[in-house]
């Protein structure tokens, strides 16, 4: 099993499901865990682009086992979950 190393560089990336449909945006990374805002508005997107990350009640931790791939602009979730 490969290990995914998530960092602050992943903040702002789009999270897509196995079919490529957008499910959210990475709003923060804390201790290697990405937190995903499942319904990001323009405010959240702007904050993440400016580096004003924060974890709030609307962000959910993304389990490493759920990640299929990480590219320059998105995180793709496994389709078999």
C-alpha atoms as a PDB file:
ATOM      1  CA  UNK A   1       0.000   0.000   0.000  1.00  0.00           C
ATOM      2  CA  UNK A   2       1.453   3.361  -0.978  1.00  0.00           C
ATOM      3  CA  UNK A   3       1.476   6.321   1.368  1.00  0.00           C
ATOM      4  CA  UNK A   4       0.065   9.695   0.351  1.00  0.00           C
ATOM      5  CA  UNK A   5       1.922  12.668   1.820  1.00  0.00           C
ATOM      6  CA  UNK A   6      -0.393  15.676   1.958  1.00  0.00           C
ATOM      7  CA  UNK A   7       1.046  19.117   2.744  1.00  0.00           C
ATOM      8  CA  UNK A   8       0.009  22.766   2.795  1.00  0.00           C
ATOM      9  CA  UNK A   9       0.691  22.754  -0.963  1.00  0.00           C
ATOM     10  CA  UNK A  10      -2.488  20.689  -1.374  1.00  0.00           C
ATOM     11  CA  UNK A  11      -4.717  23.411   0.096  1.00  0.00           C
ATOM     12  CA  UNK A  12      -7.050  24.735  -2.588  1.00  0.00           C
ATOM     13  CA  UNK A  13      -7.047  21.565  -4.671  1.00  0.00           C
ATOM     14  CA  UNK A  14     -10.331  20.282  -5.994  1.00  0.00           C
ATOM     15  CA  UNK A  15     -11.438  16.896  -4.655  1.00  0.00           C
ATOM     16  CA  UNK A  16     -13.206  14.686  -7.191  1.00  0.00           C
ATOM     17  CA  UNK A  17     -14.856  11.293  -6.893  1.00  0.00           C
ATOM     18  CA  UNK A  18     -13.922   8.253  -8.962  1.00  0.00           C
ATOM     19  CA  UNK A  19     -16.101   9.515 -11.836  1.00  0.00           C
ATOM     20  CA  UNK A  20     -14.388  12.914 -11.887  1.00  0.00           C
ATOM     21  CA  UNK A  21     -17.295  14.802 -10.321  1.00  0.00           C
ATOM     22  CA  UNK A  22     -16.279  17.603  -7.945  1.00  0.00           C
ATOM     23  CA  UNK A  23     -17.114  16.848  -4.318  1.00  0.00           C
ATOM     24  CA  UNK A  24     -15.270  19.662  -2.559  1.00  0.00           C
ATOM     25  CA  UNK A  25     -12.071  21.601  -2.044  1.00  0.00           C
ATOM     26  CA  UNK A  26      -9.175  21.089   0.372  1.00  0.00           C
ATOM     27  CA  UNK A  27      -9.569  23.942   2.862  1.00  0.00           C
ATOM     28  CA  UNK A  28      -6.699  22.973   5.200  1.00  0.00           C
ATOM     29  CA  UNK A  29      -4.052  20.343   5.879  1.00  0.00           C
ATOM     30  CA  UNK A  30      -3.155  19.623   9.489  1.00  0.00           C
ATOM     31  CA  UNK A  31      -0.578  17.007  10.485  1.00  0.00           C
ATOM     32  CA  UNK A  32      -0.830  15.363   7.055  1.00  0.00           C
ATOM     33  CA  UNK A  33      -4.632  15.152   7.041  1.00  0.00           C
ATOM     34  CA  UNK A  34      -6.557  17.119   4.423  1.00  0.00           C
ATOM     35  CA  UNK A  35      -9.807  18.759   5.469  1.00  0.00           C
ATOM     36  CA  UNK A  36     -12.380  19.036   2.701  1.00  0.00           C
ATOM     37  CA  UNK A  37     -15.126  21.632   2.447  1.00  0.00           C
ATOM     38  CA  UNK A  38     -17.837  19.689   0.581  1.00  0.00           C
ATOM     39  CA  UNK A  39     -19.656  22.794  -0.669  1.00  0.00           C
ATOM     40  CA  UNK A  40     -17.108  25.553  -1.069  1.00  0.00           C
ATOM     41  CA  UNK A  41     -18.421  28.989  -1.878  1.00  0.00           C
ATOM     42  CA  UNK A  42     -16.456  31.776  -3.478  1.00  0.00           C
ATOM     43  CA  UNK A  43     -15.305  32.922  -0.023  1.00  0.00           C
ATOM     44  CA  UNK A  44     -13.711  29.553   0.810  1.00  0.00           C
ATOM     45  CA  UNK A  45     -12.061  29.326  -2.609  1.00  0.00           C
ATOM     46  CA  UNK A  46     -10.662  32.854  -2.279  1.00  0.00           C
ATOM     47  CA  UNK A  47      -9.403  32.228   1.266  1.00  0.00           C
ATOM     48  CA  UNK A  48      -7.555  29.081   0.231  1.00  0.00           C
ATOM     49  CA  UNK A  49      -5.985  30.804  -2.789  1.00  0.00           C
ATOM     50  CA  UNK A  50      -4.740  33.562  -0.471  1.00  0.00           C
ATOM     51  CA  UNK A  51      -3.376  31.074   2.034  1.00  0.00           C
ATOM     52  CA  UNK A  52      -5.919  31.999   4.692  1.00  0.00           C
ATOM     53  CA  UNK A  53      -6.691  28.401   5.532  1.00  0.00           C
ATOM     54  CA  UNK A  54      -8.740  27.362   8.486  1.00  0.00           C
ATOM     55  CA  UNK A  55     -10.562  24.269   9.620  1.00  0.00           C
ATOM     56  CA  UNK A  56     -14.172  24.837  10.539  1.00  0.00           C
ATOM     57  CA  UNK A  57     -17.249  22.789  11.303  1.00  0.00           C
ATOM     58  CA  UNK A  58     -18.024  22.437   7.599  1.00  0.00           C
ATOM     59  CA  UNK A  59     -14.697  20.761   6.720  1.00  0.00           C
ATOM     60  CA  UNK A  60     -14.287  17.012   6.979  1.00  0.00           C
ATOM     61  CA  UNK A  61     -11.072  14.992   7.327  1.00  0.00           C
ATOM     62  CA  UNK A  62     -10.106  13.041   4.241  1.00  0.00           C
ATOM     63  CA  UNK A  63      -8.914   9.559   5.116  1.00  0.00           C
ATOM     64  CA  UNK A  64      -5.695   8.546   3.352  1.00  0.00           C
ATOM     65  CA  UNK A  65      -7.201   5.200   2.300  1.00  0.00           C
ATOM     66  CA  UNK A  66      -9.866   7.056   0.293  1.00  0.00           C
ATOM     67  CA  UNK A  67      -7.331   8.777  -1.999  1.00  0.00           C
ATOM     68  CA  UNK A  68      -6.583   7.270  -5.396  1.00  0.00           C
ATOM     69  CA  UNK A  69      -4.256   9.950  -6.809  1.00  0.00           C
ATOM     70  CA  UNK A  70      -2.949  13.447  -6.116  1.00  0.00           C
ATOM     71  CA  UNK A  71      -2.060  15.696  -9.046  1.00  0.00           C
ATOM     72  CA  UNK A  72      -1.041  19.336  -9.368  1.00  0.00           C
ATOM     73  CA  UNK A  73      -4.609  20.604  -9.164  1.00  0.00           C
ATOM     74  CA  UNK A  74      -6.834  17.841  -7.789  1.00  0.00           C
ATOM     75  CA  UNK A  75      -7.218  14.887  -5.486  1.00  0.00           C
ATOM     76  CA  UNK A  76      -9.101  11.915  -6.939  1.00  0.00           C
ATOM     77  CA  UNK A  77     -10.940   9.599  -4.573  1.00  0.00           C
ATOM     78  CA  UNK A  78     -11.024   5.838  -5.015  1.00  0.00           C
ATOM     79  CA  UNK A  79     -14.095   4.611  -6.850  1.00  0.00           C
ATOM     80  CA  UNK A  80     -14.362   1.364  -4.866  1.00  0.00           C
ATOM     81  CA  UNK A  81     -15.375   2.954  -1.574  1.00  0.00           C
END
